[in-house]
Protein backbone atom coordinates (compact mmCIF):
# COMPACT_ATOMS: atom_id res chain seq x y z
CA MET A 1 105.90 79.96 115.16
CA PHE A 2 109.05 81.13 116.94
CA SER A 3 108.94 81.14 120.75
CA ASN A 4 110.79 80.29 123.89
CA ASP A 5 110.07 76.72 123.07
CA LYS A 6 112.99 75.80 120.88
CA GLY A 7 111.14 72.60 119.53
CA VAL A 8 108.30 74.43 118.12
CA PRO A 9 109.68 75.65 114.83
CA PHE A 10 110.96 72.07 113.97
CA VAL A 11 107.52 70.66 114.99
CA MET A 12 105.62 73.19 112.74
CA ALA A 13 107.96 72.46 109.88
CA LYS A 14 107.34 68.72 110.38
CA CYS A 15 103.53 69.23 110.40
CA VAL A 16 103.69 71.29 107.18
CA SER A 17 106.04 68.69 105.61
CA LEU A 18 103.72 65.92 106.55
CA PHE A 19 100.82 67.83 105.03
CA CYS A 20 102.56 68.66 101.80
CA GLY A 21 104.14 65.21 101.39
CA VAL A 22 101.19 62.95 102.35
CA LEU A 23 97.86 64.71 102.51
CA THR A 24 98.13 66.86 99.53
CA PRO A 25 98.74 64.00 97.07
CA LEU A 26 95.86 62.05 98.78
CA LEU A 27 93.45 64.88 98.51
CA LEU A 28 94.39 65.51 94.85
CA LEU A 29 93.97 61.80 94.17
CA ILE A 30 90.48 61.95 95.59
CA VAL A 31 89.65 64.97 93.61
CA GLY A 32 91.01 63.60 90.49
CA HIS A 33 88.95 60.44 90.90
CA SER A 34 85.78 62.49 91.59
CA VAL A 35 86.15 64.48 88.27
CA GLY A 36 87.08 61.51 86.14
CA PHE A 37 90.84 62.01 86.25
CA ALA A 38 91.29 58.23 86.46
CA ASP A 39 89.36 57.72 83.26
CA ASN A 40 90.99 60.43 81.26
CA PRO A 41 94.82 60.32 81.99
CA GLY A 42 95.34 63.14 79.61
CA GLN A 43 92.97 65.55 81.33
CA SER A 44 94.52 67.94 83.84
CA PHE A 45 92.78 68.25 86.99
CA LEU A 46 94.74 71.18 88.15
CA ALA A 47 93.31 73.64 85.73
CA LEU A 48 93.63 77.01 87.43
CA GLU A 49 90.40 78.90 87.80
CA PHE A 50 91.24 81.74 90.19
CA GLN A 51 94.05 83.10 92.30
CA GLU A 52 94.58 86.11 94.44
CA ILE A 53 97.21 87.68 96.66
CA ARG A 54 96.05 90.15 99.27
CA GLY A 55 96.78 91.08 102.81
CA TYR A 56 98.26 94.05 104.86
CA VAL A 57 101.23 95.45 106.44
CA SER A 58 100.98 97.62 109.50
CA THR A 59 102.74 99.89 111.97
CA GLU A 60 101.66 100.15 115.52
CA ALA A 61 102.63 102.28 118.42
CA ARG A 62 101.65 101.73 122.12
CA LEU A 63 101.88 104.31 124.86
CA PHE A 64 101.59 103.29 128.46
CA PRO A 65 101.08 106.58 130.59
CA GLU A 66 101.79 104.83 133.98
CA LYS A 67 105.44 104.01 134.84
CA GLN A 68 106.43 100.33 134.62
CA ALA A 69 105.38 98.05 137.34
CA PHE A 70 108.29 95.61 136.82
CA PRO A 71 111.98 96.18 135.99
CA GLY A 72 112.91 96.20 132.30
CA GLN A 73 109.51 97.21 131.02
CA SER A 74 109.07 100.27 128.63
CA ARG A 75 106.49 102.98 128.72
CA HIS A 76 106.24 102.79 124.77
CA GLU A 77 106.63 100.27 122.03
CA ILE A 78 106.57 100.24 118.36
CA SER A 79 106.03 97.21 116.13
CA MET A 80 105.46 96.22 112.61
CA ALA A 81 103.21 93.38 111.33
CA ALA A 82 102.56 91.71 107.98
CA GLU A 83 99.77 89.08 107.06
CA PRO A 84 99.66 88.27 103.39
CA GLU A 85 97.12 85.78 101.98
CA TYR A 86 97.47 83.68 98.95
CA TYR A 87 94.38 82.01 97.62
CA ILE A 88 94.25 79.69 94.71
CA GLU A 89 91.23 77.84 93.21
CA TRP A 90 91.15 75.08 90.73
CA GLU A 91 88.26 73.94 88.56
CA ASN A 92 88.01 70.53 90.27
CA TYR A 93 86.40 72.00 93.41
CA THR A 94 89.78 72.49 95.08
CA SER A 95 91.31 75.55 96.78
CA LEU A 96 94.27 76.34 98.89
CA THR A 97 94.67 79.28 101.29
CA VAL A 98 98.10 80.28 102.65
CA THR A 99 98.23 82.99 105.42
CA PRO A 100 101.47 83.67 107.21
CA PHE A 101 101.88 86.21 109.94
CA ALA A 102 104.81 87.96 111.28
CA ARG A 103 105.33 90.73 113.91
CA VAL A 104 108.46 92.50 115.06
CA ASP A 105 108.22 94.42 118.44
CA SER A 106 110.66 96.84 119.75
CA ALA A 107 109.92 96.09 123.49
CA ASP A 108 108.74 92.51 124.05
CA SER A 109 110.84 89.68 122.43
CA ARG A 110 107.94 87.14 122.72
CA ARG A 111 105.74 89.66 120.74
CA THR A 112 108.35 89.32 117.94
CA HIS A 113 106.94 86.21 116.38
CA VAL A 114 105.99 84.32 113.23
CA ASP A 115 102.92 82.12 112.62
CA MET A 116 101.24 80.32 109.84
CA ARG A 117 97.59 81.34 110.50
CA GLU A 118 96.30 79.22 107.48
CA PHE A 119 97.74 76.58 105.16
CA LEU A 120 94.52 74.80 104.27
CA LEU A 121 93.72 72.68 101.29
CA ARG A 122 89.87 72.31 100.73
CA ILE A 123 87.85 70.33 98.33
CA VAL A 124 84.08 70.87 97.91
CA PRO A 125 82.67 68.39 95.38
CA GLY A 126 79.10 68.45 96.52
CA ASN A 127 77.30 68.59 99.76
CA TRP A 128 80.46 67.76 101.76
CA THR A 129 83.86 69.48 102.35
CA LEU A 130 87.24 68.03 103.23
CA ALA A 131 89.82 70.38 104.46
CA ALA A 132 93.32 69.58 105.84
CA GLY A 133 96.30 71.49 107.02
CA LEU A 134 96.51 74.62 109.35
CA GLY A 135 93.10 76.25 109.68
CA LYS A 136 91.03 78.65 111.64
CA VAL A 137 87.59 77.93 113.11
CA PHE A 138 85.30 80.17 115.13
CA TRP A 139 82.45 79.15 117.39
CA GLY A 140 80.22 81.66 119.18
CA VAL A 141 77.93 84.66 118.75
CA THR A 142 78.57 86.96 121.71
CA GLU A 143 80.48 90.28 121.64
CA SER A 144 82.50 90.60 125.01
CA LYS A 145 83.84 87.15 125.27
CA HIS A 146 84.27 84.09 123.05
CA LEU A 147 83.38 81.54 125.67
CA ILE A 148 82.98 78.40 123.73
CA ASP A 149 85.66 79.01 121.10
CA ILE A 150 88.17 76.21 121.75
CA VAL A 151 89.52 74.82 118.44
CA ASN A 152 92.30 77.31 117.88
CA GLN A 153 94.86 78.67 120.52
CA THR A 154 94.44 82.25 121.34
CA ASP A 155 97.27 84.65 120.47
CA ILE A 156 97.10 86.81 123.62
CA ILE A 157 100.47 88.41 122.60
CA GLU A 158 98.65 90.07 119.77
CA SER A 159 95.66 91.32 121.85
CA LEU A 160 93.64 90.84 124.99
CA ASN A 161 90.37 90.68 123.20
CA GLY A 162 90.76 86.99 122.12
CA GLU A 163 90.31 87.82 118.47
CA ASP A 164 93.58 86.61 117.11
CA LYS A 165 94.22 82.92 116.83
CA PHE A 166 97.17 80.59 115.94
CA GLY A 167 96.63 78.24 113.01
CA GLN A 168 95.59 74.81 114.18
CA PRO A 169 96.72 71.59 112.48
CA MET A 170 93.48 69.75 111.49
CA VAL A 171 91.59 67.57 109.25
CA ASN A 172 87.91 68.88 108.93
CA LEU A 173 85.09 66.95 107.27
CA SER A 174 81.78 68.92 106.89
CA PHE A 175 78.33 67.87 105.47
CA THR A 176 75.53 70.07 104.44
CA TYR A 177 71.93 68.80 104.67
CA ASP A 178 68.46 70.39 104.55
CA TRP A 179 68.26 69.99 108.34
CA GLY A 180 71.68 71.71 109.13
CA PHE A 181 75.44 71.56 109.02
CA VAL A 182 77.70 68.93 110.52
CA ASP A 183 81.41 69.58 111.27
CA MET A 184 83.91 66.91 112.45
CA PHE A 185 87.48 67.70 113.41
CA VAL A 186 90.64 65.65 114.10
CA MET A 187 93.53 67.75 115.41
CA PRO A 188 96.79 65.84 115.65
CA TYR A 189 98.97 68.49 117.31
CA PHE A 190 98.50 71.09 120.09
CA ARG A 191 99.50 74.63 119.89
CA GLU A 192 100.76 76.18 123.17
CA ARG A 193 99.87 79.70 124.42
CA LEU A 194 102.54 82.45 124.22
CA PHE A 195 103.07 84.85 127.11
CA PRO A 196 104.81 88.14 127.43
CA SER A 197 108.55 88.25 128.02
CA ARG A 198 110.20 89.92 131.10
CA SER A 199 110.33 93.21 129.29
CA GLY A 200 106.77 93.05 127.95
CA ARG A 201 103.72 95.00 129.33
CA LEU A 202 100.33 93.32 130.11
CA ARG A 203 102.13 90.50 132.04
CA GLY A 204 101.77 89.12 135.60
CA SER A 205 104.32 89.67 138.45
CA VAL A 206 105.61 86.14 138.01
CA LEU A 207 106.69 85.16 134.38
CA VAL A 208 105.31 82.09 132.68
CA ASP A 209 107.88 79.61 131.39
CA ALA A 210 106.32 77.80 128.39
CA SER A 211 109.37 75.60 127.97
CA GLN A 212 108.39 73.76 131.25
CA ALA A 213 104.83 73.15 130.21
CA ARG A 214 103.17 69.99 131.67
CA PHE A 215 100.46 67.93 129.91
CA SER A 216 98.13 65.48 131.69
CA SER A 217 98.31 63.24 128.62
CA GLY A 218 101.56 61.20 128.10
CA ALA A 219 101.47 61.96 124.36
CA GLY A 220 101.96 65.72 125.27
CA ARG A 221 101.51 68.01 122.36
CA TRP A 222 100.86 65.12 120.10
CA HIS A 223 97.67 64.08 121.84
CA PRO A 224 94.84 63.86 119.19
CA ASP A 225 91.95 66.22 119.80
CA PHE A 226 88.48 65.63 118.39
CA ALA A 227 85.46 67.88 117.98
CA VAL A 228 81.95 67.74 116.38
CA ARG A 229 79.56 70.51 115.74
CA TYR A 230 75.97 70.87 114.50
CA SER A 231 74.69 74.18 113.37
CA ASN A 232 71.57 75.57 111.48
CA SER A 233 69.46 78.60 110.94
CA VAL A 234 65.68 78.15 111.49
CA GLY A 235 63.55 81.47 111.11
CA GLY A 236 65.17 83.94 113.29
CA TRP A 237 67.26 81.39 115.11
CA ASP A 238 70.94 80.50 114.69
CA ILE A 239 71.76 77.43 116.57
CA GLY A 240 75.08 75.64 117.30
CA VAL A 241 75.68 72.51 119.45
CA SER A 242 79.28 71.33 119.78
CA HIS A 243 81.44 68.86 121.74
CA PHE A 244 85.25 68.95 122.13
CA TYR A 245 87.55 66.29 123.70
CA GLY A 246 91.40 67.05 123.93
CA THR A 247 93.92 69.42 125.39
CA ASN A 248 92.48 72.46 126.90
CA ARG A 249 93.60 75.65 125.08
CA GLU A 250 93.62 77.50 128.34
CA PRO A 251 96.51 76.61 130.55
CA THR A 252 96.22 76.35 134.34
CA LEU A 253 98.83 78.71 136.01
CA ASN A 254 99.21 77.72 139.72
CA SER A 255 102.36 75.65 139.73
CA LEU A 256 105.72 77.16 140.35
CA GLY A 257 109.12 76.30 139.03
CA LEU A 258 112.64 77.69 138.45
CA SER A 259 113.85 79.03 135.17
CA ALA A 260 117.45 78.34 133.93
CA ASP A 261 118.73 81.43 135.69
CA GLY A 262 117.09 80.34 139.02
CA THR A 263 114.09 82.72 138.80
CA VAL A 264 110.75 81.63 140.11
CA VAL A 265 108.26 81.10 137.30
CA LEU A 266 104.84 79.82 136.58
CA VAL A 267 104.59 76.41 134.78
CA PRO A 268 101.60 76.11 132.62
CA GLU A 269 99.60 72.89 132.90
CA TYR A 270 97.41 71.69 130.08
CA GLU A 271 94.72 69.24 131.07
CA LEU A 272 92.56 66.94 128.90
CA VAL A 273 89.02 68.26 129.02
CA ASN A 274 85.64 67.32 127.82
CA GLN A 275 83.52 70.54 126.68
CA SER A 276 79.91 70.41 125.61
CA SER A 277 78.45 73.69 124.49
CA ILE A 278 75.62 75.55 122.84
CA ASP A 279 75.34 78.93 121.19
CA LEU A 280 72.02 80.68 120.28
CA GLN A 281 71.26 83.84 118.54
CA TYR A 282 67.76 85.08 117.88
CA THR A 283 67.09 87.99 115.51
CA ILE A 284 63.87 89.93 115.71
CA GLY A 285 63.68 93.41 114.22
CA ALA A 286 66.36 95.65 115.65
CA TRP A 287 67.13 92.98 118.39
CA LEU A 288 69.84 90.50 118.69
CA TRP A 289 69.62 88.08 121.61
CA LYS A 290 72.67 85.96 122.17
CA LEU A 291 73.77 83.04 124.50
CA GLU A 292 76.85 81.00 124.83
CA SER A 293 76.99 78.22 127.49
CA LEU A 294 79.29 75.32 128.34
CA PHE A 295 79.92 72.51 130.69
CA ARG A 296 83.59 71.50 131.07
CA GLN A 297 85.17 68.46 132.79
CA GLY A 298 88.76 67.72 133.62
CA GLN A 299 90.13 71.28 134.09
CA LYS A 300 91.80 72.57 137.34
CA ASN A 301 90.54 75.63 139.11
CA ALA A 302 92.59 78.34 140.58
CA LEU A 303 93.32 76.33 143.64
CA GLY A 304 94.87 73.58 141.53
CA THR A 305 91.98 71.21 142.22
CA GLU A 306 90.02 69.57 139.28
CA GLN A 307 86.55 70.79 139.23
CA ASN A 308 83.83 70.31 136.72
CA PHE A 309 81.89 73.62 135.96
CA TYR A 310 79.39 75.41 133.76
CA SER A 311 79.76 78.81 132.40
CA PHE A 312 77.53 81.11 130.38
CA ILE A 313 77.20 84.49 128.72
CA GLY A 314 74.03 85.98 127.55
CA GLY A 315 72.61 89.39 126.50
CA PHE A 316 71.46 91.40 123.66
CA GLU A 317 72.28 94.09 121.09
CA TYR A 318 69.68 96.63 120.10
CA ASN A 319 70.43 98.72 116.98
CA VAL A 320 69.01 102.10 116.13
CA PHE A 321 69.33 102.61 112.39
CA GLY A 322 69.61 106.19 111.22
CA ALA A 323 70.28 107.38 114.73
CA PHE A 324 69.72 111.18 115.39
CA LYS A 325 68.25 111.61 111.87
CA THR A 326 71.68 110.86 110.30
CA ASN A 327 73.08 107.96 108.20
CA SER A 328 74.82 106.56 111.23
CA ASP A 329 73.65 103.50 113.15
CA LEU A 330 73.91 103.14 116.95
CA GLY A 331 74.03 99.75 118.71
CA LEU A 332 73.59 99.23 122.55
CA LEU A 333 75.17 95.90 123.83
CA ILE A 334 74.57 94.42 127.32
CA GLU A 335 75.92 90.98 128.27
CA TYR A 336 76.11 89.11 131.50
CA MET A 337 78.69 86.34 132.18
CA ARG A 338 78.79 83.83 134.92
CA ASP A 339 81.22 81.10 135.93
CA SER A 340 79.96 78.43 138.49
CA ARG A 341 83.58 78.40 140.21
CA LEU A 342 83.36 82.18 140.90
CA ASN A 343 86.46 83.16 142.97
CA LYS A 344 87.88 79.77 142.21
CA SER A 345 87.74 80.43 138.46
CA THR A 346 90.71 80.79 136.23
CA ASP A 347 88.63 83.18 133.91
CA LEU A 348 89.11 86.97 134.26
CA LEU A 349 85.36 87.36 133.77
CA GLN A 350 83.38 85.17 136.01
CA HIS A 351 80.58 87.25 137.46
CA ASP A 352 80.67 90.42 135.37
CA VAL A 353 78.43 92.63 133.13
CA PHE A 354 79.58 94.10 129.91
CA THR A 355 77.96 97.28 128.53
CA GLY A 356 78.87 98.81 125.16
CA ILE A 357 77.99 101.15 122.43
CA ARG A 358 78.70 100.48 118.81
CA TRP A 359 78.70 103.48 116.49
CA THR A 360 78.83 103.11 112.62
CA LEU A 361 78.73 106.42 110.64
CA ASN A 362 78.11 104.66 107.28
CA ASP A 363 80.22 107.36 105.70
CA GLU A 364 82.79 106.91 102.78
CA PRO A 365 85.85 106.49 104.96
CA ASP A 366 83.83 103.62 106.95
CA THR A 367 84.25 105.38 110.44
CA GLN A 368 83.22 103.00 113.29
CA ALA A 369 83.76 102.81 116.97
CA LEU A 370 83.04 100.42 119.85
CA VAL A 371 83.14 101.73 123.47
CA GLY A 372 82.60 99.19 126.37
CA VAL A 373 83.04 98.53 129.95
CA PHE A 374 83.32 95.41 132.06
CA GLN A 375 82.13 95.66 135.54
CA ASP A 376 82.85 92.98 138.21
CA LEU A 377 79.60 92.38 140.36
CA ARG A 378 81.42 91.14 143.40
CA GLU A 379 84.20 93.74 143.50
CA SER A 380 84.98 97.33 142.34
CA THR A 381 87.15 96.00 139.38
CA ARG A 382 86.27 97.44 136.02
CA GLN A 383 87.89 97.79 132.60
CA PHE A 384 87.20 100.32 129.98
CA PHE A 385 88.02 100.01 126.29
CA VAL A 386 87.69 101.96 123.15
CA GLU A 387 88.19 100.51 119.56
CA ALA A 388 87.95 102.89 116.53
CA SER A 389 88.85 102.83 113.03
CA ARG A 390 88.56 105.08 109.96
CA ARG A 391 89.75 104.47 106.26
CA ILE A 392 92.51 107.20 105.24
CA ASN A 393 92.13 106.25 101.57
CA ASP A 394 91.30 103.10 99.49
CA SER A 395 94.22 101.25 100.72
CA MET A 396 95.09 102.56 104.21
CA ARG A 397 93.19 102.46 107.46
CA ALA A 398 93.92 104.03 110.82
CA SER A 399 92.89 102.32 114.11
CA VAL A 400 92.87 103.41 117.65
CA GLU A 401 92.66 101.23 120.85
CA LEU A 402 92.44 102.53 124.41
CA GLN A 403 92.54 100.15 127.44
CA ILE A 404 91.84 101.37 131.05
CA PHE A 405 92.04 99.16 134.13
CA SER A 406 90.15 100.98 136.81
CA SER A 407 89.52 100.38 140.58
CA ILE A 408 91.23 97.01 140.47
CA GLU A 409 90.86 95.20 143.81
CA SER A 410 93.85 93.85 145.55
CA GLY A 411 94.17 90.10 144.95
CA ASP A 412 92.08 90.33 141.66
CA ILE A 413 93.38 88.32 138.65
CA LEU A 414 93.80 91.73 137.01
CA SER A 415 95.81 93.33 139.89
CA ASP A 416 99.17 93.01 138.08
CA LEU A 417 97.84 94.95 135.10
CA ARG A 418 96.57 97.97 137.16
CA ASP A 419 99.53 100.14 135.81
CA ASP A 420 99.10 98.92 132.22
CA ASP A 421 96.51 101.22 130.81
CA PHE A 422 97.63 102.03 127.19
CA LEU A 423 96.81 103.88 123.99
CA GLY A 424 97.51 102.17 120.77
CA VAL A 425 97.52 103.68 117.26
CA GLU A 426 97.89 101.54 114.12
CA ILE A 427 98.22 102.39 110.43
CA ALA A 428 97.69 99.57 108.14
CA TYR A 429 98.16 99.43 104.32
CA TYR A 430 95.87 96.91 102.50
CA TYR A 431 96.58 95.38 99.14
């Protein structure tokens, strides 16, 4: 990943080099032994079974109707992105997934970035799986906010919805039993968050200087993180229980510093945290009931004081199949979110309600849309969004995104974004 931190490309190259030079031969030795390679020196354990190259390239345009809030910003931007994926599978239960990502942006130099989303070697010889490299893991069930999802760093440069993630260096050992699934993770290196540049939109009034990042651990980015998760499906219930110990993916932004040119900047601080969490989903007929909850220790609040806290988000999704006597499906989503720190919270959504409507036409072009609103229950602040997409042909899809920040209270965390409403249009080609 290329960023304002000059050491990151070297470190990422070092991680990949370590994986290729040390972990790959070790895993292949394990696989070779498991299929009898040691007893049959002439037998190749790299017999190719399947390989595939797929991915997409896209062009995106964003228009900001309001004039810029800060000098140097633009009211429009155009970018191009590509995310190819190479998947290869051998007959000895081994597979490799390689997924690089790159974006070039006309307005924001930080949004022009390269990342390795996945470089993951995986072996599945039986009821256990061993994976090593750069991987992506998702925890959670709710629609409006991914509260408990903490393994990967969020790529907020790509989108504010939290769906895009940086690849996380990891070793993951998983076991499958009749009574559930167990995942254990060791993560030897921490990926920092990227923030918009001076010319970028959707940024605060004070820039964040990631090159001055502080860590509560003396090992800094190299502090090893650990996580364990149990999950299972019982009847209509999907259950997940997790614990994470390591460097918090969400930086605390309440310390000031000076950049190289003497500008006042925010200095991100990354604390060591313990996070215990649970996620539940219950399916009954057309209803999906959802809950994510966590308890976190070690993180500082918005005032810079360490404060243990709990947070949860819960709600439901009700689906009407064949709505209005058509082939389309209509879903109603309502979720409530609460952070015990309230006005001391570093979270944008600490006492809010999300209401949304999902519309799926079930037509040949696969037309679908999600319309939602976040309403703060303590203030007038609200956010509207629309996400819609439709296939143009078998290989191309058009997507539209609309974000509106409405009635933002003075002093709200979102106050710096009050002039950053935007309309985005993307055309993607899939192969």
